[in-house]
Each structure stands twice: as structure tokens, then as C-alpha cells.
Amino acid sequence: MKSLAQGPNYRKIFADIIEMKHPEKKHRCSNILEKKKLSVLDVVELNTIIFGYQPESQKFKSYDEKAIKEILNHQLKSKLSNTQLAEIYKLSRNTVTAWKRKYRY
């Protein structure tokens, strides 16, 4: 029996959307959909590939701790400023600053 706390099956959701509405994007999404477990960043990337950038839906994004740390590590490795990182991930600079304070980066 599956646990209800497991969350949505994003792999199935995106596979169905691609199959029904955007079969031409299947090749671009296949590498991500083949992963054993999709991260929050994978879901955001799939959404961007399939639907394009939609600024009005950006305020509803949420990131788990693992994704936040991955984003902040990317900033350290790439030596990006908060502004540059915010631009890449479509975040506010205040969000980046708050994450850095919370996770002590």
C-alpha cells in the first residue's frame, strides 16, 4: 500500500502531459524523466521546457532544503553574486539572502 504522504508522482504527470499535448518535447525531457528520483529543480526544469517561462506562476514555486543547498552550492562553485544567482533561478535577491542566512552559506 502506498503512503499518502509520498506526494505527487511528477514523473507520471509530466510523461502524460508530454504524451498528450507536447510529444515534440519528449526528446528534450527524456534525460530528466529517466532519473530514479526527481528533485524540485528537475520539476522546475521540466515545467520550463514544456511550458516555457511563465512569470505569473513564479510566486507559487517552493524549494525543499536539498534544492536550496544545491542552488547555494552552485553559487559558491560558480562564484556568482546574489543578483546573478537570483537571475539564473528566477528568484528575488531577498530570497537568496534569506536562504544564505538560514543555511549559513
Protein backbone atom coordinates (compact mmCIF):
# COMPACT_ATOMS: atom_id res chain seq x y z
CA MET A 1 0.00 0.00 0.00
CA LYS A 2 1.37 3.43 -0.95
CA SER A 3 1.80 6.11 1.65
CA LEU A 4 -0.35 9.20 1.11
CA ALA A 5 2.45 11.47 2.36
CA GLN A 6 4.56 10.49 -0.64
CA GLY A 7 3.43 13.44 -2.74
CA PRO A 8 2.57 13.72 -6.42
CA ASN A 9 4.14 11.43 -8.99
CA TYR A 10 5.70 14.18 -11.12
CA ARG A 11 7.28 11.68 -13.50
CA LYS A 12 3.85 10.31 -14.43
CA ILE A 13 2.25 13.76 -14.57
CA PHE A 14 4.90 15.17 -16.91
CA ALA A 15 5.04 11.99 -19.01
CA ASP A 16 1.26 12.23 -19.57
CA ILE A 17 1.44 15.94 -20.44
CA ILE A 18 4.25 15.30 -22.92
CA GLU A 19 2.45 12.34 -24.48
CA MET A 20 -0.90 14.12 -24.83
CA LYS A 21 -0.02 17.74 -25.55
CA HIS A 22 3.68 18.15 -26.35
CA PRO A 23 5.10 14.98 -27.98
CA GLU A 24 7.71 17.09 -29.82
CA LYS A 25 9.39 17.85 -26.46
CA LYS A 26 9.76 14.21 -25.42
CA HIS A 27 13.40 14.01 -26.50
CA ARG A 28 14.40 17.13 -24.53
CA CYS A 29 12.71 15.82 -21.36
CA SER A 30 13.75 12.16 -21.57
CA ASN A 31 17.02 12.52 -19.61
CA ILE A 32 15.24 14.12 -16.68
CA LEU A 33 12.30 11.71 -16.74
CA GLU A 34 14.67 8.72 -16.69
CA LYS A 35 16.10 9.72 -13.30
CA LYS A 36 15.23 7.45 -10.42
CA LYS A 37 14.03 10.34 -8.24
CA LEU A 38 13.09 13.81 -9.45
CA SER A 39 14.30 16.76 -7.40
CA VAL A 40 12.47 20.05 -7.05
CA LEU A 41 14.91 21.56 -9.55
CA ASP A 42 14.15 18.76 -12.03
CA VAL A 43 10.42 19.53 -11.75
CA VAL A 44 11.06 23.25 -12.32
CA GLU A 45 13.28 22.46 -15.33
CA LEU A 46 10.67 20.12 -16.85
CA ASN A 47 7.99 22.74 -16.35
CA THR A 48 10.15 25.34 -18.11
CA ILE A 49 10.95 23.01 -21.03
CA ILE A 50 7.33 22.04 -21.57
CA PHE A 51 5.51 25.31 -20.89
CA GLY A 52 8.26 27.89 -21.27
CA TYR A 53 9.00 30.61 -18.74
CA GLN A 54 5.79 31.86 -17.11
CA PRO A 55 6.48 34.80 -14.79
CA GLU A 56 2.97 34.86 -13.33
CA SER A 57 3.43 31.36 -11.87
CA GLN A 58 6.82 32.06 -10.29
CA LYS A 59 5.36 33.17 -6.96
CA PHE A 60 4.00 29.65 -6.36
CA LYS A 61 7.34 27.83 -6.56
CA SER A 62 8.67 26.17 -3.44
CA TYR A 63 12.03 24.54 -2.83
CA ASP A 64 12.98 21.86 -0.35
CA GLU A 65 16.13 22.10 1.75
CA LYS A 66 18.10 19.85 -0.61
CA ALA A 67 17.27 22.04 -3.62
CA ILE A 68 18.14 25.23 -1.74
CA LYS A 69 21.52 23.82 -0.73
CA GLU A 70 22.13 22.68 -4.32
CA ILE A 71 21.38 26.21 -5.57
CA LEU A 72 23.65 27.79 -2.94
CA ASN A 73 26.45 25.32 -3.75
CA HIS A 74 26.11 26.27 -7.41
CA GLN A 75 26.60 29.88 -6.37
CA LEU A 76 29.78 29.03 -4.46
CA LYS A 77 31.24 26.84 -7.23
CA SER A 78 30.46 29.35 -9.96
CA LYS A 79 31.41 32.37 -7.82
CA LEU A 80 28.13 34.12 -8.56
CA SER A 81 26.75 37.16 -6.78
CA ASN A 82 23.30 37.02 -5.18
CA THR A 83 21.97 39.08 -8.09
CA GLN A 84 23.41 36.70 -10.71
CA LEU A 85 22.09 33.64 -8.88
CA ALA A 86 18.66 35.22 -8.49
CA GLU A 87 18.56 35.96 -12.21
CA ILE A 88 19.54 32.41 -13.21
CA TYR A 89 16.94 30.72 -10.97
CA LYS A 90 14.28 33.46 -11.33
CA LEU A 91 14.34 34.27 -7.60
CA SER A 92 14.43 37.53 -5.72
CA ARG A 93 17.72 38.69 -4.22
CA ASN A 94 15.97 38.80 -0.84
CA THR A 95 15.13 35.11 -1.15
CA VAL A 96 18.76 34.24 -1.87
CA THR A 97 19.91 36.35 1.10
CA ALA A 98 17.35 34.73 3.40
CA TRP A 99 18.46 31.25 2.33
CA LYS A 100 22.11 32.11 2.91
CA ARG A 101 21.31 33.34 6.42
CA LYS A 102 19.14 30.35 7.24
CA TYR A 103 21.57 27.73 5.93
CA ARG A 104 24.72 29.68 6.89
CA TYR A 105 26.35 29.95 3.48
